[in-house]
Amino acid sequence: MTKDEIMNDRRFRSKCGIFGIDWEKFNIYEDTIILNSPKKGIFVLLDDSYNTMGIIESENEQEIKHLLLKYKELYNHSDKESGLEFAYPFQNFSLKQVNQLASRVSFHHNNVFVNGKLINDENDNKYLCLLAYLKYLDDQIERHFLNTYQMKILEFQYPNVYSCIKSLMININNCIMINIKEGKRPFPIDIIEYLGQDPNDIDYYQNILYKIINLLLYNQGFKIKSGYKYYDKIEKIEKEEIDLSVLANNLLKILEIPCDDITKDDTINLQSWLEEDLTKDEKLQLSRNK
């Protein structure tokens, strides 16, 4: 990738606009794009798909290279020993994997597309719910980096992205558990308000949050009670011993399809496709878990 190719890419210009950074003021180090902020010594790191890798602060060239390598490593691999990881069920995921998977998925009203293909699974399929969760986290990650950038400009510190998103996930689960204890059905607005986020975001996140709620309710052995008059109630179901992190790891198969091979003229069953190459023992284990 050359500077001219990058500058002529509308996605790159749009990304610079989000941070309020001049799209002509950047450098390339190996496969990392380094955006120069208006404030000396503060830089935004992007990967070759324009995903944010981190925000660094230094005026020393050698230290900048050291920080770049450090942030690149943390972007590609979580650090469990230091507690820098996401919460269950994505505790095995890196920041890069979340970004990449989210970029392969799109939600349009009641339709879901993965690698350009229309998915015909049931609406409450666990894989679709997990992808909705990843899509939501990807948006929150981008918000985190924008907040980090603003705080560094103002000379304040901000939590690490893994720690921040892990805390957000834990609080989503806490919101679900509070509603379960009260015998109430959690709604998307309940999560938005519990996280202290803007209620005006509800229209944008509503469909995705419904899937996240259904997933986390199911994981606790509950579902929304049947019947219109019980729309705000939940009921207990037989809790299945399912490890959502195993299903989440299966989603990484989506990234095995090269971007150049993505077509938009097929309909597939995501669950069947994800599990078709598993061994008999693995399928049996999944069956037991489910």
C-alpha atoms as a PDB file:
ATOM      1  CA  MET A   1       0.000   0.000   0.000  1.00  0.00           C
ATOM      2  CA  THR A   2       1.331   3.419  -0.981  1.00  0.00           C
ATOM      3  CA  LYS A   3       0.492   6.830   0.432  1.00  0.00           C
ATOM      4  CA  ASP A   4      -1.301   7.781  -2.791  1.00  0.00           C
ATOM      5  CA  GLU A   5      -3.445   4.623  -2.714  1.00  0.00           C
ATOM      6  CA  ILE A   6      -4.375   5.287   0.898  1.00  0.00           C
ATOM      7  CA  MET A   7      -5.161   8.964   0.363  1.00  0.00           C
ATOM      8  CA  ASN A   8      -7.423   8.134  -2.578  1.00  0.00           C
ATOM      9  CA  ASP A   9      -9.444   5.677  -0.499  1.00  0.00           C
ATOM     10  CA  ARG A  10     -12.692   7.235   0.759  1.00  0.00           C
ATOM     11  CA  ARG A  11     -12.758   4.882   3.732  1.00  0.00           C
ATOM     12  CA  PHE A  12      -9.424   6.265   4.881  1.00  0.00           C
ATOM     13  CA  ARG A  13     -10.561   9.862   4.489  1.00  0.00           C
ATOM     14  CA  SER A  14     -13.734   9.064   6.407  1.00  0.00           C
ATOM     15  CA  LYS A  15     -11.703   7.512   9.237  1.00  0.00           C
ATOM     16  CA  CYS A  16      -9.517  10.606   9.463  1.00  0.00           C
ATOM     17  CA  GLY A  17     -12.669  12.737   9.575  1.00  0.00           C
ATOM     18  CA  ILE A  18     -13.928  10.830  12.628  1.00  0.00           C
ATOM     19  CA  PHE A  19     -10.806  11.885  14.544  1.00  0.00           C
ATOM     20  CA  GLY A  20     -10.694  15.352  13.001  1.00  0.00           C
ATOM     21  CA  ILE A  21      -7.267  14.641  11.515  1.00  0.00           C
ATOM     22  CA  ASP A  22      -5.937  15.938   8.189  1.00  0.00           C
ATOM     23  CA  TRP A  23      -5.902  12.898   5.856  1.00  0.00           C
ATOM     24  CA  GLU A  24      -2.709  14.100   4.158  1.00  0.00           C
ATOM     25  CA  LYS A  25      -0.701  14.058   7.391  1.00  0.00           C
ATOM     26  CA  PHE A  26       0.313  10.467   8.021  1.00  0.00           C
ATOM     27  CA  ASN A  27       3.206   8.043   7.723  1.00  0.00           C
ATOM     28  CA  ILE A  28       3.466   4.316   7.060  1.00  0.00           C
ATOM     29  CA  TYR A  29       5.598   1.976   9.136  1.00  0.00           C
ATOM     30  CA  GLU A  30       5.556  -1.564   7.724  1.00  0.00           C
ATOM     31  CA  ASP A  31       1.791  -2.357   7.580  1.00  0.00           C
ATOM     32  CA  THR A  32       0.726   0.287  10.113  1.00  0.00           C
ATOM     33  CA  ILE A  33      -0.624   3.741   9.277  1.00  0.00           C
ATOM     34  CA  ILE A  34       0.384   6.487  11.708  1.00  0.00           C
ATOM     35  CA  LEU A  35      -1.933   9.509  11.728  1.00  0.00           C
ATOM     36  CA  ASN A  36      -0.451  12.783  12.956  1.00  0.00           C
ATOM     37  CA  SER A  37      -2.837  14.633  15.243  1.00  0.00           C
ATOM     38  CA  PRO A  38      -2.933  18.447  15.356  1.00  0.00           C
ATOM     39  CA  LYS A  39      -1.200  18.194  18.748  1.00  0.00           C
ATOM     40  CA  LYS A  40       2.482  17.347  18.627  1.00  0.00           C
ATOM     41  CA  GLY A  41       3.417  13.911  19.953  1.00  0.00           C
ATOM     42  CA  ILE A  42      -0.017  12.271  19.733  1.00  0.00           C
ATOM     43  CA  PHE A  43      -0.629   9.677  17.016  1.00  0.00           C
ATOM     44  CA  VAL A  44      -3.472   7.379  15.963  1.00  0.00           C
ATOM     45  CA  LEU A  45      -2.460   3.921  14.739  1.00  0.00           C
ATOM     46  CA  LEU A  46      -4.490   2.196  12.007  1.00  0.00           C
ATOM     47  CA  ASP A  47      -4.107  -1.237  10.457  1.00  0.00           C
ATOM     48  CA  ASP A  48      -4.208  -1.748   6.685  1.00  0.00           C
ATOM     49  CA  SER A  49      -8.025  -1.955   6.809  1.00  0.00           C
ATOM     50  CA  TYR A  50      -8.210   1.367   8.696  1.00  0.00           C
ATOM     51  CA  ASN A  51      -9.231  -0.207  11.994  1.00  0.00           C
ATOM     52  CA  THR A  52      -7.907   1.692  15.018  1.00  0.00           C
ATOM     53  CA  MET A  53      -5.089  -0.160  16.771  1.00  0.00           C
ATOM     54  CA  GLY A  54      -4.307   2.352  19.488  1.00  0.00           C
ATOM     55  CA  ILE A  55      -3.433   5.920  20.423  1.00  0.00           C
ATOM     56  CA  ILE A  56       0.203   6.636  21.329  1.00  0.00           C
ATOM     57  CA  GLU A  57       1.846   9.644  22.880  1.00  0.00           C
ATOM     58  CA  SER A  58       5.545  10.441  22.492  1.00  0.00           C
ATOM     59  CA  GLU A  59       7.903  12.873  20.775  1.00  0.00           C
ATOM     60  CA  ASN A  60      10.854  10.477  20.742  1.00  0.00           C
ATOM     61  CA  GLU A  61      11.249   8.577  17.464  1.00  0.00           C
ATOM     62  CA  GLN A  62      12.694   5.432  19.051  1.00  0.00           C
ATOM     63  CA  GLU A  63      10.018   5.368  21.738  1.00  0.00           C
ATOM     64  CA  ILE A  64       7.336   5.813  19.074  1.00  0.00           C
ATOM     65  CA  LYS A  65       8.625   2.720  17.250  1.00  0.00           C
ATOM     66  CA  HIS A  66       8.704   0.790  20.540  1.00  0.00           C
ATOM     67  CA  LEU A  67       5.125   1.823  21.397  1.00  0.00           C
ATOM     68  CA  LEU A  68       3.991   0.997  17.873  1.00  0.00           C
ATOM     69  CA  LEU A  69       5.289  -2.572  18.186  1.00  0.00           C
ATOM     70  CA  LYS A  70       3.767  -2.890  21.658  1.00  0.00           C
ATOM     71  CA  TYR A  71       0.317  -1.735  20.508  1.00  0.00           C
ATOM     72  CA  LYS A  72       0.509  -3.848  17.382  1.00  0.00           C
ATOM     73  CA  GLU A  73       1.202  -6.954  19.480  1.00  0.00           C
ATOM     74  CA  LEU A  74      -1.685  -6.140  21.820  1.00  0.00           C
ATOM     75  CA  TYR A  75      -3.931  -5.558  18.817  1.00  0.00           C
ATOM     76  CA  ASN A  76      -3.093  -8.980  17.370  1.00  0.00           C
ATOM     77  CA  HIS A  77      -3.069 -10.878  20.679  1.00  0.00           C
ATOM     78  CA  SER A  78      -4.784 -10.297  24.013  1.00  0.00           C
ATOM     79  CA  ASP A  79      -2.620 -10.534  27.133  1.00  0.00           C
ATOM     80  CA  LYS A  80      -4.379 -12.815  29.621  1.00  0.00           C
ATOM     81  CA  GLU A  81      -1.501 -12.781  32.091  1.00  0.00           C
ATOM     82  CA  SER A  82      -1.912  -9.020  32.438  1.00  0.00           C
ATOM     83  CA  GLY A  83      -5.696  -9.252  32.462  1.00  0.00           C
ATOM     84  CA  LEU A  84      -5.953  -7.542  29.074  1.00  0.00           C
ATOM     85  CA  GLU A  85      -8.680  -9.652  27.511  1.00  0.00           C
ATOM     86  CA  PHE A  86     -12.374  -9.460  26.722  1.00  0.00           C
ATOM     87  CA  ALA A  87     -15.010 -11.109  28.908  1.00  0.00           C
ATOM     88  CA  TYR A  88     -16.801 -14.408  28.243  1.00  0.00           C
ATOM     89  CA  PRO A  89     -17.668 -15.577  25.622  1.00  0.00           C
ATOM     90  CA  PHE A  90     -14.970 -13.676  23.692  1.00  0.00           C
ATOM     91  CA  GLN A  91     -12.140 -14.121  26.194  1.00  0.00           C
ATOM     92  CA  ASN A  92     -10.037 -15.880  23.537  1.00  0.00           C
ATOM     93  CA  PHE A  93     -10.451 -13.113  20.959  1.00  0.00           C
ATOM     94  CA  SER A  94      -7.998 -10.399  20.037  1.00  0.00           C
ATOM     95  CA  LEU A  95      -8.997  -6.864  19.148  1.00  0.00           C
ATOM     96  CA  LYS A  96      -8.067  -7.612  15.547  1.00  0.00           C
ATOM     97  CA  GLN A  97     -10.367 -10.647  15.381  1.00  0.00           C
ATOM     98  CA  VAL A  98     -13.310  -8.630  16.699  1.00  0.00           C
ATOM     99  CA  ASN A  99     -12.659  -5.919  14.086  1.00  0.00           C
ATOM    100  CA  GLN A 100     -12.265  -8.398  11.249  1.00  0.00           C
ATOM    101  CA  LEU A 101     -15.347 -10.457  12.079  1.00  0.00           C
ATOM    102  CA  ALA A 102     -17.496  -7.361  12.519  1.00  0.00           C
ATOM    103  CA  SER A 103     -16.407  -6.151   9.073  1.00  0.00           C
ATOM    104  CA  ARG A 104     -17.650  -9.424   7.521  1.00  0.00           C
ATOM    105  CA  VAL A 105     -21.156  -9.086   9.014  1.00  0.00           C
ATOM    106  CA  SER A 106     -23.978  -6.681   8.221  1.00  0.00           C
ATOM    107  CA  PHE A 107     -27.475  -6.421   9.663  1.00  0.00           C
ATOM    108  CA  HIS A 108     -30.241  -4.955   7.497  1.00  0.00           C
ATOM    109  CA  HIS A 109     -33.579  -4.967   9.304  1.00  0.00           C
ATOM    110  CA  ASN A 110     -34.378  -8.694   9.640  1.00  0.00           C
ATOM    111  CA  ASN A 111     -31.688  -9.825   7.197  1.00  0.00           C
ATOM    112  CA  VAL A 112     -28.146 -10.797   8.128  1.00  0.00           C
ATOM    113  CA  PHE A 113     -25.290 -11.065   5.643  1.00  0.00           C
ATOM    114  CA  VAL A 114     -22.001 -12.840   6.361  1.00  0.00           C
ATOM    115  CA  ASN A 115     -19.214 -12.649   3.795  1.00  0.00           C
ATOM    116  CA  GLY A 116     -21.787 -11.130   1.457  1.00  0.00           C
ATOM    117  CA  LYS A 117     -24.154 -14.090   1.698  1.00  0.00           C
ATOM    118  CA  LEU A 118     -27.703 -13.924   3.042  1.00  0.00           C
ATOM    119  CA  ILE A 119     -28.054 -16.100   6.159  1.00  0.00           C
ATOM    120  CA  ASN A 120     -31.162 -18.281   6.415  1.00  0.00           C
ATOM    121  CA  ASP A 121     -30.700 -19.504  10.000  1.00  0.00           C
ATOM    122  CA  GLU A 122     -33.435 -18.982  12.577  1.00  0.00           C
ATOM    123  CA  ASN A 123     -33.492 -15.441  13.923  1.00  0.00           C
ATOM    124  CA  ASP A 124     -32.465 -16.543  17.435  1.00  0.00           C
ATOM    125  CA  ASN A 125     -29.669 -18.848  16.255  1.00  0.00           C
ATOM    126  CA  LYS A 126     -26.771 -18.627  18.720  1.00  0.00           C
ATOM    127  CA  TYR A 127     -24.219 -17.888  16.018  1.00  0.00           C
ATOM    128  CA  LEU A 128     -26.253 -14.922  14.761  1.00  0.00           C
ATOM    129  CA  CYS A 129     -26.645 -13.655  18.322  1.00  0.00           C
ATOM    130  CA  LEU A 130     -22.889 -13.934  18.873  1.00  0.00           C
ATOM    131  CA  LEU A 131     -22.219 -12.032  15.663  1.00  0.00           C
ATOM    132  CA  ALA A 132     -24.643  -9.327  16.788  1.00  0.00           C
ATOM    133  CA  TYR A 133     -22.679  -9.093  20.043  1.00  0.00           C
ATOM    134  CA  LEU A 134     -19.405  -8.761  18.116  1.00  0.00           C
ATOM    135  CA  LYS A 135     -20.911  -6.080  15.899  1.00  0.00           C
ATOM    136  CA  TYR A 136     -21.993  -4.127  18.974  1.00  0.00           C
ATOM    137  CA  LEU A 137     -18.567  -4.504  20.611  1.00  0.00           C
ATOM    138  CA  ASP A 138     -16.854  -3.309  17.449  1.00  0.00           C
ATOM    139  CA  ASP A 139     -18.838  -0.063  17.615  1.00  0.00           C
ATOM    140  CA  GLN A 140     -18.013   0.335  21.301  1.00  0.00           C
ATOM    141  CA  ILE A 141     -14.315  -0.238  20.570  1.00  0.00           C
ATOM    142  CA  GLU A 142     -14.357   2.578  18.032  1.00  0.00           C
ATOM    143  CA  ARG A 143     -16.060   4.850  20.563  1.00  0.00           C
ATOM    144  CA  HIS A 144     -13.435   3.887  23.123  1.00  0.00           C
ATOM    145  CA  PHE A 145     -10.571   4.913  20.862  1.00  0.00           C
ATOM    146  CA  LEU A 146     -12.243   8.211  20.009  1.00  0.00           C
ATOM    147  CA  ASN A 147     -12.655   8.930  23.737  1.00  0.00           C
ATOM    148  CA  THR A 148      -9.041   7.882  24.348  1.00  0.00           C
ATOM    149  CA  TYR A 149      -7.866  10.256  21.635  1.00  0.00           C
ATOM    150  CA  GLN A 150      -9.854  13.163  23.076  1.00  0.00           C
ATOM    151  CA  MET A 151      -8.569  12.464  26.594  1.00  0.00           C
ATOM    152  CA  LYS A 152      -4.948  12.344  25.438  1.00  0.00           C
ATOM    153  CA  ILE A 153      -5.413  15.633  23.586  1.00  0.00           C
ATOM    154  CA  LEU A 154      -6.608  17.071  26.918  1.00  0.00           C
ATOM    155  CA  GLU A 155      -3.648  15.401  28.701  1.00  0.00           C
ATOM    156  CA  PHE A 156      -5.715  12.874  30.668  1.00  0.00           C
ATOM    157  CA  GLN A 157      -5.259   9.112  30.898  1.00  0.00           C
ATOM    158  CA  TYR A 158      -7.917   6.642  29.752  1.00  0.00           C
ATOM    159  CA  PRO A 159      -8.385   2.880  30.438  1.00  0.00           C
ATOM    160  CA  ASN A 160      -6.962   0.256  28.082  1.00  0.00           C
ATOM    161  CA  VAL A 161      -9.390  -0.916  25.394  1.00  0.00           C
ATOM    162  CA  TYR A 162      -9.500  -4.515  26.646  1.00  0.00           C
ATOM    163  CA  SER A 163     -10.218  -3.411  30.221  1.00  0.00           C
ATOM    164  CA  CYS A 164     -12.866  -0.938  29.137  1.00  0.00           C
ATOM    165  CA  ILE A 165     -14.739  -3.342  26.837  1.00  0.00           C
ATOM    166  CA  LYS A 166     -14.468  -6.168  29.369  1.00  0.00           C
ATOM    167  CA  SER A 167     -16.087  -3.924  31.985  1.00  0.00           C
ATOM    168  CA  LEU A 168     -18.816  -2.976  29.520  1.00  0.00           C
ATOM    169  CA  MET A 169     -19.564  -6.675  28.840  1.00  0.00           C
ATOM    170  CA  ILE A 170     -19.667  -7.461  32.553  1.00  0.00           C
ATOM    171  CA  ASN A 171     -22.127  -4.613  33.100  1.00  0.00           C
ATOM    172  CA  ILE A 172     -24.365  -5.811  30.262  1.00  0.00           C
ATOM    173  CA  ASN A 173     -24.497  -9.191  31.961  1.00  0.00           C
ATOM    174  CA  ASN A 174     -25.194  -7.516  35.320  1.00  0.00           C
ATOM    175  CA  CYS A 175     -28.142  -5.687  33.776  1.00  0.00           C
ATOM    176  CA  ILE A 176     -29.519  -8.989  32.467  1.00  0.00           C
ATOM    177  CA  MET A 177     -29.107 -10.635  35.883  1.00  0.00           C
ATOM    178  CA  ILE A 178     -30.876  -7.796  37.712  1.00  0.00           C
ATOM    179  CA  ASN A 179     -33.874  -8.148  35.401  1.00  0.00           C
ATOM    180  CA  ILE A 180     -33.869 -11.935  35.806  1.00  0.00           C
ATOM    181  CA  LYS A 181     -33.976 -11.576  39.591  1.00  0.00           C
ATOM    182  CA  GLU A 182     -36.963  -9.247  39.236  1.00  0.00           C
ATOM    183  CA  GLY A 183     -38.669 -11.630  36.806  1.00  0.00           C
ATOM    184  CA  LYS A 184     -38.665  -8.974  34.103  1.00  0.00           C
ATOM    185  CA  ARG A 185     -37.683  -9.090  30.468  1.00  0.00           C
ATOM    186  CA  PRO A 186     -34.677  -6.850  29.730  1.00  0.00           C
ATOM    187  CA  PHE A 187     -35.196  -4.431  26.849  1.00  0.00           C
ATOM    188  CA  PRO A 188     -32.494  -2.691  24.785  1.00  0.00           C
ATOM    189  CA  ILE A 189     -33.238   0.614  26.498  1.00  0.00           C
ATOM    190  CA  ASP A 190     -32.528  -1.055  29.858  1.00  0.00           C
ATOM    191  CA  ILE A 191     -29.005  -1.881  28.708  1.00  0.00           C
ATOM    192  CA  ILE A 192     -28.442   1.558  27.173  1.00  0.00           C
ATOM    193  CA  GLU A 193     -29.513   3.266  30.395  1.00  0.00           C
ATOM    194  CA  TYR A 194     -27.593   0.834  32.645  1.00  0.00           C
ATOM    195  CA  LEU A 195     -24.403   1.631  30.718  1.00  0.00           C
ATOM    196  CA  GLY A 196     -25.059   5.367  30.969  1.00  0.00           C
ATOM    197  CA  GLN A 197     -25.191   5.738  27.188  1.00  0.00           C
ATOM    198  CA  ASP A 198     -27.257   8.078  25.049  1.00  0.00           C
ATOM    199  CA  PRO A 199     -30.908   6.866  24.859  1.00  0.00           C
ATOM    200  CA  ASN A 200     -31.055   8.343  21.361  1.00  0.00           C
ATOM    201  CA  ASP A 201     -28.810   5.450  20.261  1.00  0.00           C
ATOM    202  CA  ILE A 202     -31.654   2.991  20.834  1.00  0.00           C
ATOM    203  CA  ASP A 203     -32.914   3.025  17.223  1.00  0.00           C
ATOM    204  CA  TYR A 204     -29.449   2.236  15.889  1.00  0.00           C
ATOM    205  CA  TYR A 205     -28.709  -0.605  18.325  1.00  0.00           C
ATOM    206  CA  GLN A 206     -32.178  -1.999  19.001  1.00  0.00           C
ATOM    207  CA  ASN A 207     -32.137  -5.078  16.728  1.00  0.00           C
ATOM    208  CA  ILE A 208     -28.614  -6.019  17.746  1.00  0.00           C
ATOM    209  CA  LEU A 209     -29.321  -5.590  21.458  1.00  0.00           C
ATOM    210  CA  TYR A 210     -32.427  -7.799  21.235  1.00  0.00           C
ATOM    211  CA  LYS A 211     -30.174 -10.602  19.962  1.00  0.00           C
ATOM    212  CA  ILE A 212     -27.626  -9.998  22.719  1.00  0.00           C
ATOM    213  CA  ILE A 213     -30.388 -10.085  25.334  1.00  0.00           C
ATOM    214  CA  ASN A 214     -31.827 -13.339  23.971  1.00  0.00           C
ATOM    215  CA  LEU A 215     -28.350 -14.887  23.952  1.00  0.00           C
ATOM    216  CA  LEU A 216     -27.548 -13.924  27.554  1.00  0.00           C
ATOM    217  CA  LEU A 217     -31.014 -14.899  28.811  1.00  0.00           C
ATOM    218  CA  TYR A 218     -30.620 -18.308  27.181  1.00  0.00           C
ATOM    219  CA  ASN A 219     -27.193 -18.696  28.742  1.00  0.00           C
ATOM    220  CA  GLN A 220     -28.809 -18.251  32.165  1.00  0.00           C
ATOM    221  CA  GLY A 221     -31.642 -20.681  31.401  1.00  0.00           C
ATOM    222  CA  PHE A 222     -34.403 -18.184  30.573  1.00  0.00           C
ATOM    223  CA  LYS A 223     -36.391 -16.977  27.595  1.00  0.00           C
ATOM    224  CA  ILE A 224     -39.065 -14.382  26.906  1.00  0.00           C
ATOM    225  CA  LYS A 225     -42.436 -15.704  28.017  1.00  0.00           C
ATOM    226  CA  SER A 226     -44.826 -16.739  25.259  1.00  0.00           C
ATOM    227  CA  GLY A 227     -48.036 -14.804  24.681  1.00  0.00           C
ATOM    228  CA  TYR A 228     -48.574 -11.136  23.843  1.00  0.00           C
ATOM    229  CA  LYS A 229     -49.753 -10.141  27.312  1.00  0.00           C
ATOM    230  CA  TYR A 230     -46.513 -11.532  28.781  1.00  0.00           C
ATOM    231  CA  TYR A 231     -44.270  -9.526  26.426  1.00  0.00           C
ATOM    232  CA  ASP A 232     -42.408  -8.033  29.411  1.00  0.00           C
ATOM    233  CA  LYS A 233     -41.979 -11.306  31.335  1.00  0.00           C
ATOM    234  CA  ILE A 234     -39.451 -14.132  31.219  1.00  0.00           C
ATOM    235  CA  GLU A 235     -39.785 -17.809  31.999  1.00  0.00           C
ATOM    236  CA  LYS A 236     -37.318 -20.446  33.089  1.00  0.00           C
ATOM    237  CA  ILE A 237     -36.307 -23.146  30.624  1.00  0.00           C
ATOM    238  CA  GLU A 238     -34.149 -26.199  30.980  1.00  0.00           C
ATOM    239  CA  LYS A 239     -30.627 -24.832  31.047  1.00  0.00           C
ATOM    240  CA  GLU A 240     -28.391 -26.536  28.538  1.00  0.00           C
ATOM    241  CA  GLU A 241     -24.703 -26.934  29.235  1.00  0.00           C
ATOM    242  CA  ILE A 242     -23.531 -24.787  26.369  1.00  0.00           C
ATOM    243  CA  ASP A 243     -20.149 -23.109  26.227  1.00  0.00           C
ATOM    244  CA  LEU A 244     -20.725 -19.980  24.170  1.00  0.00           C
ATOM    245  CA  SER A 245     -16.973 -19.424  23.856  1.00  0.00           C
ATOM    246  CA  VAL A 246     -16.728 -22.665  21.836  1.00  0.00           C
ATOM    247  CA  LEU A 247     -19.390 -21.397  19.440  1.00  0.00           C
ATOM    248  CA  ALA A 248     -17.661 -18.012  19.325  1.00  0.00           C
ATOM    249  CA  ASN A 249     -14.373 -19.651  18.318  1.00  0.00           C
ATOM    250  CA  ASN A 250     -16.182 -21.457  15.490  1.00  0.00           C
ATOM    251  CA  LEU A 251     -17.017 -18.044  14.033  1.00  0.00           C
ATOM    252  CA  LEU A 252     -13.347 -17.534  13.170  1.00  0.00           C
ATOM    253  CA  LYS A 253     -13.925 -19.813  10.180  1.00  0.00           C
ATOM    254  CA  ILE A 254     -15.616 -16.807   8.571  1.00  0.00           C
ATOM    255  CA  LEU A 255     -12.190 -15.156   8.304  1.00  0.00           C
ATOM    256  CA  GLU A 256     -10.770 -18.094   6.346  1.00  0.00           C
ATOM    257  CA  ILE A 257     -12.621 -16.857   3.258  1.00  0.00           C
ATOM    258  CA  PRO A 258     -10.367 -14.334   1.463  1.00  0.00           C
ATOM    259  CA  CYS A 259     -12.029 -10.969   0.930  1.00  0.00           C
ATOM    260  CA  ASP A 260     -11.398 -11.291  -2.802  1.00  0.00           C
ATOM    261  CA  ASP A 261     -13.498 -14.492  -2.886  1.00  0.00           C
ATOM    262  CA  ILE A 262     -16.589 -12.924  -1.304  1.00  0.00           C
ATOM    263  CA  THR A 263     -19.678 -13.076  -3.541  1.00  0.00           C
ATOM    264  CA  LYS A 264     -23.167 -11.715  -2.947  1.00  0.00           C
ATOM    265  CA  ASP A 265     -25.365 -14.154  -4.823  1.00  0.00           C
ATOM    266  CA  ASP A 266     -25.732 -17.019  -2.356  1.00  0.00           C
ATOM    267  CA  THR A 267     -27.876 -17.917   0.614  1.00  0.00           C
ATOM    268  CA  ILE A 268     -26.373 -20.189   3.239  1.00  0.00           C
ATOM    269  CA  ASN A 269     -27.161 -21.761   6.585  1.00  0.00           C
ATOM    270  CA  LEU A 270     -24.456 -20.342   8.829  1.00  0.00           C
ATOM    271  CA  GLN A 271     -24.603 -23.029  11.516  1.00  0.00           C
ATOM    272  CA  SER A 272     -24.332 -25.893   9.010  1.00  0.00           C
ATOM    273  CA  TRP A 273     -21.439 -24.211   7.230  1.00  0.00           C
ATOM    274  CA  LEU A 274     -19.533 -23.414  10.428  1.00  0.00           C
ATOM    275  CA  GLU A 275     -19.837 -26.949  11.754  1.00  0.00           C
ATOM    276  CA  GLU A 276     -19.445 -28.974   8.550  1.00  0.00           C
ATOM    277  CA  ASP A 277     -15.690 -29.501   8.957  1.00  0.00           C
ATOM    278  CA  LEU A 278     -15.773 -30.414  12.634  1.00  0.00           C
ATOM    279  CA  THR A 279     -14.766 -33.944  13.609  1.00  0.00           C
ATOM    280  CA  LYS A 280     -17.364 -36.397  14.881  1.00  0.00           C
ATOM    281  CA  ASP A 281     -16.091 -35.924  18.425  1.00  0.00           C
ATOM    282  CA  GLU A 282     -16.310 -32.148  18.132  1.00  0.00           C
ATOM    283  CA  LYS A 283     -19.851 -32.341  16.742  1.00  0.00           C
ATOM    284  CA  LEU A 284     -20.841 -34.705  19.530  1.00  0.00           C
ATOM    285  CA  GLN A 285     -19.418 -32.300  22.116  1.00  0.00           C
ATOM    286  CA  LEU A 286     -21.297 -29.387  20.547  1.00  0.00           C
ATOM    287  CA  SER A 287     -24.473 -31.450  20.520  1.00  0.00           C
ATOM    288  CA  ARG A 288     -24.034 -32.227  24.199  1.00  0.00           C
ATOM    289  CA  ASN A 289     -23.337 -28.574  24.972  1.00  0.00           C
ATOM    290  CA  LYS A 290     -26.366 -27.381  23.064  1.00  0.00           C
END
